[in-house]
Protein backbone atom coordinates (compact mmCIF):
# COMPACT_ATOMS: atom_id res chain seq x y z
CA MET A 1 162.94 72.09 52.07
CA SER A 2 159.97 69.57 51.17
CA ARG A 3 162.24 67.00 52.17
CA PHE A 4 162.57 68.90 55.63
CA VAL A 5 158.73 69.82 55.76
CA ALA A 6 158.46 65.64 55.04
CA PHE A 7 160.62 64.45 57.75
CA ILE A 8 159.25 66.68 60.47
CA SER A 9 155.74 65.33 59.36
CA ILE A 10 156.97 61.73 60.00
CA CYS A 11 158.52 62.76 63.69
CA VAL A 12 155.11 64.34 64.45
CA LEU A 13 152.55 61.40 63.20
CA TRP A 14 155.58 59.30 64.92
CA VAL A 15 154.79 61.07 68.47
CA LEU A 16 151.06 61.03 67.67
CA SER A 17 151.43 57.37 67.22
CA GLY A 18 151.66 56.72 70.16
CA HIS A 19 155.58 55.86 70.05
CA ALA A 20 156.19 58.90 72.66
CA GLN A 21 154.37 57.38 74.93
CA ASP A 22 155.69 54.06 75.38
CA PRO A 23 158.16 53.81 78.43
CA VAL A 24 161.06 52.15 77.29
CA PHE A 25 161.36 55.78 74.37
CA THR A 26 160.73 58.04 77.17
CA ASP A 27 162.25 57.16 79.70
CA GLY A 28 165.29 54.70 78.48
CA ASP A 29 167.50 55.81 81.39
CA LYS A 30 164.84 53.37 84.11
CA TYR A 31 162.75 50.95 81.62
CA LYS A 32 164.95 48.05 80.11
CA ALA A 33 162.49 45.87 78.08
CA ILE A 34 164.32 42.10 79.12
CA LEU A 35 161.52 39.86 77.62
CA GLU A 36 159.04 40.19 75.06
CA ASN A 37 156.99 38.43 72.73
CA ASP A 38 153.44 38.37 70.24
CA ASN A 39 151.80 38.01 74.05
CA VAL A 40 153.36 40.55 76.79
CA ARG A 41 156.20 42.80 77.46
CA VAL A 42 159.04 41.79 80.43
CA LEU A 43 160.66 45.28 81.67
CA GLU A 44 162.20 45.87 84.09
CA TYR A 45 162.42 49.94 86.15
CA THR A 46 164.45 51.65 88.52
CA ASP A 47 165.22 54.82 89.87
CA ASN A 48 166.43 56.83 92.54
CA PRO A 49 164.22 58.97 95.66
CA GLY A 50 163.69 62.09 93.95
CA GLU A 51 163.45 60.91 89.58
CA LYS A 52 160.50 61.35 87.99
CA THR A 53 159.37 59.73 84.81
CA ASN A 54 157.69 61.01 81.56
CA ARG A 55 154.20 60.94 80.99
CA HIS A 56 154.03 57.59 78.93
CA HIS A 57 151.39 54.72 78.42
CA HIS A 58 151.20 51.02 79.84
CA PRO A 59 148.45 48.63 78.23
CA ASP A 60 147.31 45.83 80.43
CA PHE A 61 150.07 45.17 82.76
CA VAL A 62 151.14 42.81 86.48
CA LEU A 63 153.79 44.67 88.48
CA TYR A 64 156.13 42.63 91.02
CA ALA A 65 158.15 44.82 93.41
CA LEU A 66 161.89 43.61 94.00
CA ASP A 67 162.46 46.11 96.45
CA SER A 68 160.29 48.29 99.11
CA PHE A 69 159.15 51.81 98.07
CA LYS A 70 157.19 54.86 97.92
CA ARG A 71 156.00 56.49 94.62
CA ARG A 72 153.55 58.70 93.73
CA LEU A 73 151.53 58.37 89.72
CA THR A 74 149.65 61.02 87.92
CA PHE A 75 147.44 60.16 85.48
CA GLY A 76 146.19 62.10 82.74
CA ASP A 77 142.97 63.37 84.10
CA GLY A 78 145.42 64.64 86.62
CA LYS A 79 144.41 62.36 89.37
CA GLN A 80 146.75 61.48 91.52
CA ILE A 81 147.73 58.43 94.08
CA GLU A 82 150.21 57.58 96.24
CA ARG A 83 151.22 54.59 97.36
CA GLU A 84 153.44 52.27 99.22
CA PHE A 85 154.98 49.37 97.88
CA LYS A 86 157.20 46.29 100.22
CA LYS A 87 159.38 43.56 98.25
CA GLY A 88 157.42 41.05 96.57
CA ASP A 89 154.11 42.99 96.44
CA VAL A 90 152.07 41.90 93.48
CA MET A 91 149.36 44.19 91.69
CA TRP A 92 147.91 43.84 88.72
CA MET A 93 146.81 47.15 86.76
CA LYS A 94 144.92 48.59 84.53
CA ASP A 95 145.41 50.13 80.94
CA GLN A 96 146.82 53.52 81.79
CA ILE A 97 148.74 57.02 80.94
CA HIS A 98 151.12 58.21 84.04
CA THR A 99 153.65 59.57 85.76
CA GLY A 100 155.67 58.34 88.43
CA GLU A 101 157.77 60.18 90.92
CA ASN A 102 159.88 57.80 93.84
CA ILE A 103 158.81 59.70 96.69
CA GLY A 104 160.74 58.01 98.85
CA THR A 105 163.80 57.07 100.62
CA THR A 106 165.02 53.97 99.01
CA GLU A 107 165.49 52.79 94.96
CA THR A 108 162.64 51.83 92.74
CA HIS A 109 163.32 47.73 91.57
CA VAL A 110 160.29 46.42 89.56
CA LEU A 111 159.00 44.23 87.09
CA ILE A 112 156.47 44.99 85.18
CA VAL A 113 154.65 42.75 82.59
CA GLU A 114 152.67 44.46 80.30
CA VAL A 115 150.15 42.60 78.22
CA LYS A 116 149.71 42.82 74.94
CA SER A 117 146.77 39.84 73.39
CA GLY A 118 143.48 40.08 74.26
CA ASN A 119 143.25 36.70 74.41
CA TYR A 120 144.02 36.35 78.81
CA ASP A 121 141.34 35.99 81.30
CA MET A 122 140.75 37.41 83.88
CA GLN A 123 138.10 35.29 86.18
CA ASP A 124 140.52 35.06 88.69
CA THR A 125 143.31 38.13 89.79
CA VAL A 126 145.95 37.61 91.85
CA GLN A 127 145.95 41.11 94.42
CA SER A 128 148.44 42.69 95.64
CA VAL A 129 150.36 40.94 98.47
CA PRO A 130 153.66 39.88 99.04
CA TYR A 131 155.23 36.85 98.01
CA ASP A 132 155.10 33.68 100.17
CA ASN A 133 154.51 31.07 98.18
CA LYS A 134 150.87 31.55 99.39
CA TRP A 135 148.99 33.67 96.97
CA LYS A 136 146.14 35.25 98.31
CA VAL A 137 143.46 34.99 95.36
CA GLU A 138 139.93 36.86 94.76
CA SER A 139 137.51 34.98 92.67
CA ARG A 140 135.61 36.60 89.99
CA LYS A 141 133.72 33.81 88.88
CA LYS A 142 129.97 34.10 90.24
CA PRO A 143 128.73 30.96 92.63
CA GLN A 144 127.17 28.35 90.72
CA LYS A 145 123.54 27.02 91.18
């Protein structure tokens, strides 16, 4: 009996430690890690219309839309947003916990680059724009006097 209790305790600690919110674990049928190192993890995500994810966590990340799709995100505080992406859209997102739902009529297919280390400089951020080799960059640097 004590081994069973120890096993259950370890499982609960594992869940509470955040592994349960890793999208590769919560939705392994949709998320596939295609590259991982000390700085980033690159995920490929696909789903079909009407499909939903379980609640999961992403550290700061860049999303690149490989196809056009429509999605609803529900955040940890209950706030919801709906967003349509066009093929080639790129966007920066801060650390978050959410569930996602494909509310469109097309498959969702994206690459997500999660940032692991805090050793990056976000002085310049790429805005969500169609990829056409002409990046629109918004500078956050203060003008020098």
